[in-house]
Protein backbone atom coordinates (compact mmCIF):
# COMPACT_ATOMS: atom_id res chain seq x y z
CA UNK A 1 -1.00 22.69 7.31
CA UNK A 2 -3.27 19.68 9.30
CA UNK A 3 -2.12 16.55 10.60
CA UNK A 4 -3.65 13.96 10.58
CA UNK A 5 -2.28 11.04 12.56
CA UNK A 6 -3.70 7.22 12.29
CA UNK A 7 -3.06 4.43 15.05
CA UNK A 8 -0.72 1.38 14.09
CA UNK A 9 -3.59 -0.80 14.47
CA UNK A 10 -4.78 1.21 11.51
CA UNK A 11 -2.76 1.23 9.40
CA UNK A 12 0.64 0.00 8.51
CA UNK A 13 3.09 2.94 7.78
CA UNK A 14 3.59 1.49 3.99
CA UNK A 15 0.30 2.10 3.46
CA UNK A 16 0.46 5.71 4.48
CA UNK A 17 4.64 6.41 2.84
CA UNK A 18 1.59 5.47 0.06
CA UNK A 19 -0.78 7.54 -0.01
CA UNK A 20 1.30 9.87 1.01
CA UNK A 21 3.03 9.63 -3.00
CA UNK A 22 -0.02 9.14 -4.47
CA UNK A 23 -0.81 11.92 -3.21
CA UNK A 24 2.50 14.13 -3.97
CA UNK A 25 0.52 16.35 -6.83
CA UNK A 26 -1.56 17.90 -3.92
CA UNK A 27 0.30 17.86 -0.95
CA UNK A 28 3.55 17.09 0.81
CA UNK A 29 2.54 14.54 3.41
CA UNK A 30 5.40 15.15 6.72
CA UNK A 31 5.63 11.95 8.16
CA UNK A 32 6.55 10.39 11.66
CA UNK A 33 6.69 7.00 13.68
CA UNK A 34 5.52 8.19 17.47
CA UNK A 35 4.84 5.66 20.67
CA UNK A 36 1.18 6.58 19.28
CA UNK A 37 1.06 6.00 15.73
CA UNK A 38 2.60 7.44 11.59
CA UNK A 39 1.25 11.30 12.86
CA UNK A 40 1.14 13.36 9.51
CA UNK A 41 1.01 16.53 8.31
CA UNK A 42 -0.33 17.91 5.43
CA UNK A 43 1.12 20.86 3.36
CA UNK A 44 -1.33 21.84 0.79
CA UNK A 45 0.72 22.73 -2.61
CA UNK A 46 -2.40 22.86 -4.47
CA UNK A 47 -5.75 24.75 -4.72
CA UNK A 48 -7.02 22.24 -1.77
CA UNK A 49 -8.83 22.65 1.16
CA UNK A 50 -7.46 20.85 4.12
CA UNK A 51 -11.10 19.20 5.20
CA UNK A 52 -10.71 17.57 2.15
CA UNK A 53 -6.96 17.38 2.16
CA UNK A 54 -7.63 15.45 4.94
CA UNK A 55 -10.22 13.33 3.41
CA UNK A 56 -8.33 11.99 0.50
CA UNK A 57 -5.93 10.99 2.64
CA UNK A 58 -7.29 8.67 4.87
CA UNK A 59 -10.30 7.51 1.34
CA UNK A 60 -5.94 7.04 0.07
CA UNK A 61 -4.52 5.70 2.98
CA UNK A 62 -7.32 3.67 4.02
CA UNK A 63 -7.27 2.63 -0.02
CA UNK A 64 -4.02 1.12 0.89
CA UNK A 65 -4.21 -0.66 4.31
CA UNK A 66 -7.03 -2.44 2.92
CA UNK A 67 -4.55 -3.95 -0.46
CA UNK A 68 -1.51 -4.83 2.21
CA UNK A 69 -4.56 -6.92 4.10
CA UNK A 70 -6.19 -8.84 0.70
CA UNK A 71 -2.79 -9.63 -0.30
CA UNK A 72 -1.35 -10.96 3.47
CA UNK A 73 -5.18 -12.49 3.31
CA UNK A 74 -4.54 -14.38 -0.72
CA UNK A 75 -0.28 -14.41 -1.25
CA UNK A 76 -0.88 -18.15 -0.64
CA UNK A 77 -3.09 -18.85 -3.68
CA UNK A 78 -0.79 -16.18 -5.55
CA UNK A 79 2.15 -18.63 -5.34
CA UNK A 80 -0.13 -21.77 -5.30
CA UNK A 81 -1.23 -19.65 -8.91
CA UNK A 82 2.88 -18.62 -10.15
CA UNK A 83 3.32 -22.08 -9.18
CA UNK A 84 0.83 -24.56 -11.76
CA UNK A 85 1.36 -21.69 -14.20
CA UNK A 86 5.06 -22.65 -14.67
CA UNK A 87 5.02 -26.63 -13.86
CA UNK A 88 5.53 -26.85 -17.21
CA UNK A 89 8.29 -24.86 -18.10
CA UNK A 90 10.22 -26.87 -16.05
CA UNK A 91 9.07 -30.11 -15.93
CA UNK A 92 11.08 -33.21 -18.45
CA UNK A 93 9.96 -34.11 -21.65
CA UNK A 94 9.69 -38.14 -20.74
CA UNK A 95 10.54 -38.72 -24.39
CA UNK A 96 13.03 -37.39 -25.14
CA UNK A 97 14.68 -35.78 -22.25
CA UNK A 98 14.10 -32.54 -23.40
CA UNK A 99 13.42 -29.65 -20.97
């Protein structure tokens, strides 16, 4: 068993959960929220060493944290593109009154 703690300013709980799910084949993760941040106990289920598992878990949490950060920053653009893409589906044809 190895332990990893993430400060609340560094990683969202949702990113930690996604990383734990992603690595479920390699380890079981006990996730606990503490005042200091999110504490994770990693229990290897495969032939993975402690330091290797910690490095992989940290990299996976960082990956999901960055994905969430990018999604938050680009949501307005995504919503605008979807609105433009589906706008012709809701526009009435002026000539025959069909949708």
